[in-house]
Amino acid sequence: MNGFPPLILDFEAKRDTDHVLAVFQVDGFWGAIAKSNFTGLRYREPVYRTLRELAISYFDDYYNLLGERTLRKYSAPVNLTRFDQLNWMTTEKPIWFIAEYLTKIHHYPLVSDAQITRLHRVDENLLRAGLVGYSKK
């Protein structure tokens, strides 16, 4: 609909919710469109050479309400045309089949176990800044 293939990228988190981005390429560089209650987890300009580079750009702003950095893995892009026969764009029914598919595909680690043990909580200022416009559900 916006001139790009319908590609999504899935993030897996520890002690937090996963996050799905709509990713796109311009001149071979990756960008992303995303919606989040956290201000740092939204749009990215198409300036990233690889999907890993794009994914790691979200790392510092991906934390839970306890201030723990939680992003751990990212998937390869999934082309949503694979679900066209299920009318994913127009159905009035829930499209949980996409979420279920994302839980089954391979995800690549962003950080090692050793790095995880050394992670610091975000400071209070970053936590507050990330929650500007936060909406409790």
N, C-alpha and C. Protein backbone atom coordinates (compact mmCIF):
# COMPACT_ATOMS: atom_id res chain seq x y z
N MET A 1 0.82 -1.21 0.00
CA MET A 1 0.00 0.00 0.00
C MET A 1 0.87 1.28 0.00
N ASN A 2 2.05 1.21 0.59
CA ASN A 2 2.90 2.41 0.65
C ASN A 2 4.07 2.33 -0.32
N GLY A 3 4.03 1.38 -1.25
CA GLY A 3 5.08 1.28 -2.25
C GLY A 3 6.22 0.35 -1.89
N PHE A 4 6.19 -0.25 -0.74
CA PHE A 4 7.21 -1.19 -0.30
C PHE A 4 6.58 -2.56 -0.08
N PRO A 5 7.38 -3.62 -0.19
CA PRO A 5 6.84 -4.95 0.16
C PRO A 5 6.40 -4.97 1.63
N PRO A 6 5.38 -5.76 1.97
CA PRO A 6 4.90 -5.81 3.37
C PRO A 6 5.80 -6.70 4.23
N LEU A 7 6.94 -6.14 4.66
CA LEU A 7 7.92 -6.88 5.45
C LEU A 7 7.83 -6.48 6.91
N ILE A 8 7.86 -7.48 7.79
CA ILE A 8 7.92 -7.20 9.22
C ILE A 8 9.13 -7.91 9.82
N LEU A 9 9.61 -7.35 10.91
CA LEU A 9 10.74 -7.89 11.66
C LEU A 9 10.28 -8.04 13.09
N ASP A 10 10.57 -9.16 13.71
CA ASP A 10 10.12 -9.42 15.08
C ASP A 10 11.29 -9.31 16.04
N PHE A 11 11.06 -8.64 17.16
CA PHE A 11 12.03 -8.58 18.26
C PHE A 11 11.53 -9.48 19.38
N GLU A 12 12.45 -10.24 19.96
CA GLU A 12 12.13 -11.02 21.17
C GLU A 12 12.81 -10.36 22.36
N ALA A 13 12.09 -10.33 23.46
CA ALA A 13 12.58 -9.69 24.67
C ALA A 13 12.51 -10.64 25.84
N LYS A 14 13.28 -10.35 26.87
CA LYS A 14 13.26 -11.11 28.12
C LYS A 14 12.60 -10.23 29.18
N ARG A 15 11.57 -10.78 29.86
CA ARG A 15 10.83 -10.05 30.89
C ARG A 15 10.19 -8.78 30.33
N ASP A 16 9.68 -8.88 29.09
CA ASP A 16 9.09 -7.75 28.41
C ASP A 16 8.28 -8.28 27.23
N THR A 17 7.53 -7.41 26.59
CA THR A 17 6.77 -7.83 25.41
C THR A 17 7.64 -7.75 24.17
N ASP A 18 7.34 -8.62 23.21
CA ASP A 18 8.02 -8.56 21.93
C ASP A 18 7.53 -7.33 21.17
N HIS A 19 8.19 -7.03 20.07
CA HIS A 19 7.88 -5.83 19.29
C HIS A 19 8.00 -6.19 17.82
N VAL A 20 7.10 -5.70 17.00
CA VAL A 20 7.12 -5.97 15.57
C VAL A 20 7.26 -4.66 14.82
N LEU A 21 8.18 -4.63 13.86
CA LEU A 21 8.42 -3.46 13.05
C LEU A 21 8.02 -3.73 11.61
N ALA A 22 7.57 -2.72 10.91
CA ALA A 22 7.44 -2.80 9.45
C ALA A 22 8.76 -2.25 8.91
N VAL A 23 9.50 -3.07 8.18
CA VAL A 23 10.81 -2.65 7.68
C VAL A 23 10.75 -2.41 6.18
N PHE A 24 11.63 -1.55 5.71
CA PHE A 24 11.69 -1.21 4.29
C PHE A 24 13.11 -0.85 3.91
N GLN A 25 13.39 -0.89 2.62
CA GLN A 25 14.71 -0.53 2.12
C GLN A 25 14.61 0.60 1.10
N VAL A 26 15.57 1.52 1.20
CA VAL A 26 15.73 2.58 0.22
C VAL A 26 17.21 2.60 -0.17
N ASP A 27 17.48 2.39 -1.44
CA ASP A 27 18.86 2.35 -1.94
C ASP A 27 19.72 1.34 -1.18
N GLY A 28 19.11 0.24 -0.76
CA GLY A 28 19.84 -0.82 -0.08
C GLY A 28 20.00 -0.62 1.42
N PHE A 29 19.48 0.45 1.98
CA PHE A 29 19.58 0.71 3.41
C PHE A 29 18.23 0.47 4.07
N TRP A 30 18.28 -0.11 5.28
CA TRP A 30 17.07 -0.49 6.01
C TRP A 30 16.56 0.64 6.90
N GLY A 31 15.24 0.76 6.94
CA GLY A 31 14.55 1.65 7.87
C GLY A 31 13.37 0.90 8.46
N ALA A 32 12.66 1.54 9.39
CA ALA A 32 11.54 0.85 10.04
C ALA A 32 10.46 1.83 10.45
N ILE A 33 9.24 1.31 10.45
CA ILE A 33 8.08 2.02 10.98
C ILE A 33 7.56 1.17 12.13
N ALA A 34 7.31 1.79 13.26
CA ALA A 34 6.82 1.04 14.42
C ALA A 34 6.00 1.95 15.30
N LYS A 35 5.09 1.34 16.05
CA LYS A 35 4.30 2.06 17.04
C LYS A 35 4.63 1.48 18.40
N SER A 36 4.81 2.33 19.37
CA SER A 36 5.13 1.87 20.71
C SER A 36 4.73 2.94 21.72
N ASN A 37 4.49 2.51 22.94
CA ASN A 37 4.30 3.46 24.03
C ASN A 37 5.62 4.09 24.46
N PHE A 38 6.73 3.46 24.08
CA PHE A 38 8.05 3.98 24.41
C PHE A 38 8.56 4.82 23.25
N THR A 39 8.95 6.05 23.51
CA THR A 39 9.29 6.99 22.45
C THR A 39 10.46 6.52 21.59
N GLY A 40 11.41 5.81 22.13
CA GLY A 40 12.59 5.39 21.38
C GLY A 40 12.38 4.16 20.50
N LEU A 41 11.20 3.58 20.51
CA LEU A 41 10.95 2.34 19.76
C LEU A 41 10.08 2.58 18.53
N ARG A 42 10.21 3.73 17.95
CA ARG A 42 9.37 4.06 16.80
C ARG A 42 10.18 4.09 15.51
N TYR A 43 9.92 5.03 14.65
CA TYR A 43 10.47 5.13 13.29
C TYR A 43 12.01 5.16 13.28
N ARG A 44 12.59 4.55 12.25
CA ARG A 44 14.02 4.66 11.97
C ARG A 44 14.19 5.04 10.51
N GLU A 45 15.03 6.01 10.25
CA GLU A 45 15.36 6.41 8.89
C GLU A 45 16.08 5.26 8.19
N PRO A 46 15.95 5.16 6.86
CA PRO A 46 16.63 4.08 6.14
C PRO A 46 18.12 4.38 5.92
N VAL A 47 18.89 4.21 7.00
CA VAL A 47 20.34 4.47 6.96
C VAL A 47 21.16 3.28 7.45
N TYR A 48 20.50 2.17 7.76
CA TYR A 48 21.18 1.02 8.35
C TYR A 48 21.55 0.01 7.27
N ARG A 49 22.83 -0.39 7.26
CA ARG A 49 23.33 -1.29 6.21
C ARG A 49 22.79 -2.70 6.33
N THR A 50 22.54 -3.16 7.55
CA THR A 50 22.06 -4.52 7.78
C THR A 50 20.88 -4.50 8.73
N LEU A 51 20.15 -5.61 8.75
CA LEU A 51 19.04 -5.72 9.71
C LEU A 51 19.55 -5.77 11.14
N ARG A 52 20.73 -6.38 11.34
CA ARG A 52 21.29 -6.40 12.69
C ARG A 52 21.60 -4.99 13.16
N GLU A 53 22.17 -4.19 12.26
CA GLU A 53 22.47 -2.80 12.59
C GLU A 53 21.19 -2.04 12.95
N LEU A 54 20.14 -2.26 12.17
CA LEU A 54 18.85 -1.65 12.47
C LEU A 54 18.34 -2.12 13.83
N ALA A 55 18.38 -3.42 14.07
CA ALA A 55 17.89 -3.98 15.34
C ALA A 55 18.67 -3.42 16.52
N ILE A 56 19.99 -3.35 16.41
CA ILE A 56 20.79 -2.88 17.55
C ILE A 56 20.52 -1.40 17.83
N SER A 57 20.02 -0.65 16.84
CA SER A 57 19.69 0.76 17.08
C SER A 57 18.54 0.90 18.09
N TYR A 58 17.79 -0.16 18.29
CA TYR A 58 16.68 -0.14 19.26
C TYR A 58 17.12 -0.58 20.66
N PHE A 59 18.33 -1.12 20.80
CA PHE A 59 18.73 -1.77 22.05
C PHE A 59 18.65 -0.85 23.27
N ASP A 60 19.25 0.33 23.19
CA ASP A 60 19.29 1.21 24.36
C ASP A 60 17.91 1.68 24.81
N ASP A 61 16.98 1.78 23.90
CA ASP A 61 15.65 2.27 24.24
C ASP A 61 14.64 1.15 24.50
N TYR A 62 15.10 -0.08 24.46
CA TYR A 62 14.20 -1.23 24.65
C TYR A 62 14.37 -1.71 26.09
N TYR A 63 13.50 -1.24 26.97
CA TYR A 63 13.57 -1.61 28.39
C TYR A 63 12.17 -1.72 28.94
N ASN A 64 12.06 -2.43 30.05
CA ASN A 64 10.74 -2.60 30.68
C ASN A 64 10.53 -1.51 31.74
N LEU A 65 9.40 -1.57 32.40
CA LEU A 65 9.07 -0.54 33.40
C LEU A 65 9.95 -0.60 34.64
N LEU A 66 10.72 -1.68 34.78
CA LEU A 66 11.67 -1.78 35.89
C LEU A 66 13.03 -1.19 35.51
N GLY A 67 13.15 -0.74 34.25
CA GLY A 67 14.41 -0.16 33.79
C GLY A 67 15.42 -1.20 33.32
N GLU A 68 14.97 -2.43 33.13
CA GLU A 68 15.87 -3.49 32.65
C GLU A 68 15.93 -3.46 31.12
N ARG A 69 17.14 -3.52 30.56
CA ARG A 69 17.29 -3.62 29.11
C ARG A 69 16.90 -5.04 28.71
N THR A 70 15.94 -5.16 27.79
CA THR A 70 15.30 -6.46 27.60
C THR A 70 15.39 -7.04 26.19
N LEU A 71 15.84 -6.27 25.21
CA LEU A 71 15.90 -6.77 23.83
C LEU A 71 16.99 -7.84 23.72
N ARG A 72 16.63 -8.99 23.15
CA ARG A 72 17.58 -10.10 23.05
C ARG A 72 17.79 -10.61 21.63
N LYS A 73 16.73 -10.70 20.82
CA LYS A 73 16.84 -11.33 19.50
C LYS A 73 16.00 -10.60 18.47
N TYR A 74 16.34 -10.85 17.20
CA TYR A 74 15.55 -10.33 16.09
C TYR A 74 15.41 -11.40 15.02
N SER A 75 14.36 -11.31 14.24
CA SER A 75 14.11 -12.30 13.20
C SER A 75 14.59 -11.78 11.85
N ALA A 76 14.60 -12.66 10.88
CA ALA A 76 14.72 -12.24 9.49
C ALA A 76 13.41 -11.58 9.12
N PRO A 77 13.39 -10.77 8.07
CA PRO A 77 12.12 -10.17 7.69
C PRO A 77 11.13 -11.22 7.19
N VAL A 78 9.88 -11.02 7.52
CA VAL A 78 8.80 -11.90 7.07
C VAL A 78 7.96 -11.11 6.08
N ASN A 79 7.80 -11.66 4.90
CA ASN A 79 6.97 -11.02 3.88
C ASN A 79 5.53 -11.46 4.11
N LEU A 80 4.68 -10.51 4.43
CA LEU A 80 3.29 -10.83 4.78
C LEU A 80 2.46 -11.33 3.60
N THR A 81 3.01 -11.27 2.40
CA THR A 81 2.26 -11.84 1.27
C THR A 81 2.08 -13.34 1.45
N ARG A 82 2.90 -13.96 2.29
CA ARG A 82 2.73 -15.39 2.57
C ARG A 82 1.37 -15.68 3.22
N PHE A 83 0.71 -14.62 3.75
CA PHE A 83 -0.60 -14.77 4.40
C PHE A 83 -1.74 -14.20 3.54
N ASP A 84 -1.44 -13.87 2.29
CA ASP A 84 -2.48 -13.27 1.43
C ASP A 84 -3.72 -14.15 1.31
N GLN A 85 -3.53 -15.46 1.26
CA GLN A 85 -4.68 -16.36 1.11
C GLN A 85 -5.59 -16.31 2.34
N LEU A 86 -5.08 -15.76 3.46
CA LEU A 86 -5.89 -15.61 4.67
C LEU A 86 -6.45 -14.19 4.81
N ASN A 87 -6.26 -13.39 3.77
CA ASN A 87 -6.79 -12.01 3.73
C ASN A 87 -6.35 -11.17 4.92
N TRP A 88 -5.08 -11.26 5.26
CA TRP A 88 -4.55 -10.57 6.44
C TRP A 88 -4.79 -9.06 6.42
N MET A 89 -4.86 -8.45 5.24
CA MET A 89 -5.04 -7.00 5.18
C MET A 89 -6.49 -6.56 5.36
N THR A 90 -7.43 -7.41 5.02
CA THR A 90 -8.83 -6.96 4.98
C THR A 90 -9.77 -7.71 5.91
N THR A 91 -9.32 -8.80 6.50
CA THR A 91 -10.23 -9.58 7.32
C THR A 91 -10.66 -8.81 8.57
N GLU A 92 -11.86 -9.08 9.00
CA GLU A 92 -12.38 -8.52 10.26
C GLU A 92 -12.03 -9.45 11.42
N LYS A 93 -11.56 -10.64 11.10
CA LYS A 93 -11.22 -11.64 12.11
C LYS A 93 -9.83 -11.35 12.67
N PRO A 94 -9.54 -11.84 13.87
CA PRO A 94 -8.19 -11.69 14.44
C PRO A 94 -7.14 -12.34 13.53
N ILE A 95 -5.97 -11.76 13.51
CA ILE A 95 -4.90 -12.29 12.66
C ILE A 95 -3.77 -12.87 13.51
N TRP A 96 -4.15 -13.63 14.53
CA TRP A 96 -3.17 -14.26 15.42
C TRP A 96 -2.25 -15.22 14.69
N PHE A 97 -2.64 -15.67 13.50
CA PHE A 97 -1.80 -16.59 12.74
C PHE A 97 -0.45 -15.94 12.41
N ILE A 98 -0.41 -14.63 12.30
CA ILE A 98 0.86 -13.96 12.05
C ILE A 98 1.73 -14.01 13.31
N ALA A 99 1.15 -13.67 14.44
CA ALA A 99 1.90 -13.72 15.70
C ALA A 99 2.38 -15.13 15.99
N GLU A 100 1.55 -16.11 15.74
CA GLU A 100 1.95 -17.51 15.97
C GLU A 100 3.12 -17.89 15.06
N TYR A 101 3.07 -17.45 13.82
CA TYR A 101 4.18 -17.72 12.90
C TYR A 101 5.48 -17.09 13.42
N LEU A 102 5.40 -15.87 13.94
CA LEU A 102 6.59 -15.19 14.43
C LEU A 102 7.22 -15.91 15.61
N THR A 103 6.42 -16.62 16.40
CA THR A 103 7.00 -17.36 17.54
C THR A 103 7.73 -18.62 17.09
N LYS A 104 7.50 -19.06 15.87
CA LYS A 104 8.09 -20.32 15.38
C LYS A 104 9.35 -20.13 14.54
N ILE A 105 9.57 -18.93 14.04
CA ILE A 105 10.71 -18.73 13.15
C ILE A 105 12.00 -18.48 13.94
N HIS A 106 13.12 -18.66 13.26
CA HIS A 106 14.42 -18.44 13.89
C HIS A 106 14.63 -16.97 14.20
N HIS A 107 15.21 -16.72 15.35
CA HIS A 107 15.61 -15.37 15.75
C HIS A 107 17.10 -15.37 16.03
N TYR A 108 17.76 -14.28 15.66
CA TYR A 108 19.22 -14.14 15.83
C TYR A 108 19.52 -13.37 17.11
N PRO A 109 20.50 -13.83 17.88
CA PRO A 109 20.84 -13.11 19.12
C PRO A 109 21.49 -11.76 18.83
N LEU A 110 21.13 -10.77 19.63
CA LEU A 110 21.76 -9.45 19.54
C LEU A 110 22.89 -9.29 20.54
N VAL A 111 22.77 -9.96 21.67
CA VAL A 111 23.77 -9.86 22.72
C VAL A 111 24.08 -11.26 23.24
N SER A 112 25.31 -11.43 23.73
CA SER A 112 25.72 -12.72 24.27
C SER A 112 25.29 -12.85 25.72
N ASP A 113 25.36 -14.06 26.24
CA ASP A 113 25.04 -14.29 27.65
C ASP A 113 25.97 -13.49 28.55
N ALA A 114 27.25 -13.41 28.17
CA ALA A 114 28.21 -12.64 28.97
C ALA A 114 27.85 -11.16 28.99
N GLN A 115 27.43 -10.64 27.84
CA GLN A 115 27.03 -9.23 27.79
C GLN A 115 25.78 -8.99 28.62
N ILE A 116 24.86 -9.92 28.60
CA ILE A 116 23.62 -9.78 29.37
C ILE A 116 23.91 -9.64 30.86
N THR A 117 24.87 -10.40 31.37
CA THR A 117 25.19 -10.34 32.80
C THR A 117 25.77 -8.98 33.21
N ARG A 118 26.28 -8.23 32.24
CA ARG A 118 26.89 -6.92 32.54
C ARG A 118 25.98 -5.73 32.25
N LEU A 119 24.75 -6.00 31.83
CA LEU A 119 23.85 -4.89 31.49
C LEU A 119 23.44 -4.10 32.74
N HIS A 120 23.38 -2.80 32.58
CA HIS A 120 22.93 -1.91 33.65
C HIS A 120 21.48 -1.53 33.41
N ARG A 121 20.79 -1.22 34.48
CA ARG A 121 19.43 -0.68 34.33
C ARG A 121 19.54 0.73 33.75
N VAL A 122 18.48 1.16 33.09
CA VAL A 122 18.49 2.53 32.58
C VAL A 122 18.30 3.48 33.75
N ASP A 123 18.83 4.68 33.63
CA ASP A 123 18.68 5.63 34.73
C ASP A 123 17.27 6.22 34.72
N GLU A 124 16.94 6.86 35.80
CA GLU A 124 15.59 7.40 35.99
C GLU A 124 15.20 8.40 34.92
N ASN A 125 16.16 9.23 34.48
CA ASN A 125 15.86 10.23 33.45
C ASN A 125 15.50 9.57 32.13
N LEU A 126 16.25 8.55 31.72
CA LEU A 126 15.94 7.86 30.47
C LEU A 126 14.60 7.13 30.58
N LEU A 127 14.34 6.52 31.72
CA LEU A 127 13.07 5.84 31.92
C LEU A 127 11.90 6.82 31.77
N ARG A 128 12.00 7.98 32.40
CA ARG A 128 10.94 8.99 32.29
C ARG A 128 10.81 9.50 30.86
N ALA A 129 11.93 9.76 30.21
CA ALA A 129 11.91 10.27 28.83
C ALA A 129 11.27 9.26 27.88
N GLY A 130 11.58 8.00 28.07
CA GLY A 130 11.02 6.96 27.22
C GLY A 130 9.53 6.80 27.39
N LEU A 131 9.01 7.24 28.52
CA LEU A 131 7.59 7.08 28.81
C LEU A 131 6.75 8.31 28.49
N VAL A 132 7.36 9.32 27.86
CA VAL A 132 6.58 10.49 27.46
C VAL A 132 5.48 10.02 26.51
N GLY A 133 4.26 10.30 26.85
CA GLY A 133 3.13 9.88 26.04
C GLY A 133 2.69 8.45 26.29
N TYR A 134 3.27 7.79 27.31
CA TYR A 134 2.93 6.40 27.62
C TYR A 134 1.46 6.28 27.95
N SER A 135 0.85 5.25 27.44
CA SER A 135 -0.57 5.03 27.67
C SER A 135 -0.78 3.67 28.34
N LYS A 136 -1.29 3.68 29.56
CA LYS A 136 -1.59 2.42 30.24
C LYS A 136 -2.82 1.81 29.64
N LYS A 137 -2.79 0.49 29.49
CA LYS A 137 -3.94 -0.20 28.90
C LYS A 137 -4.71 -0.94 29.96
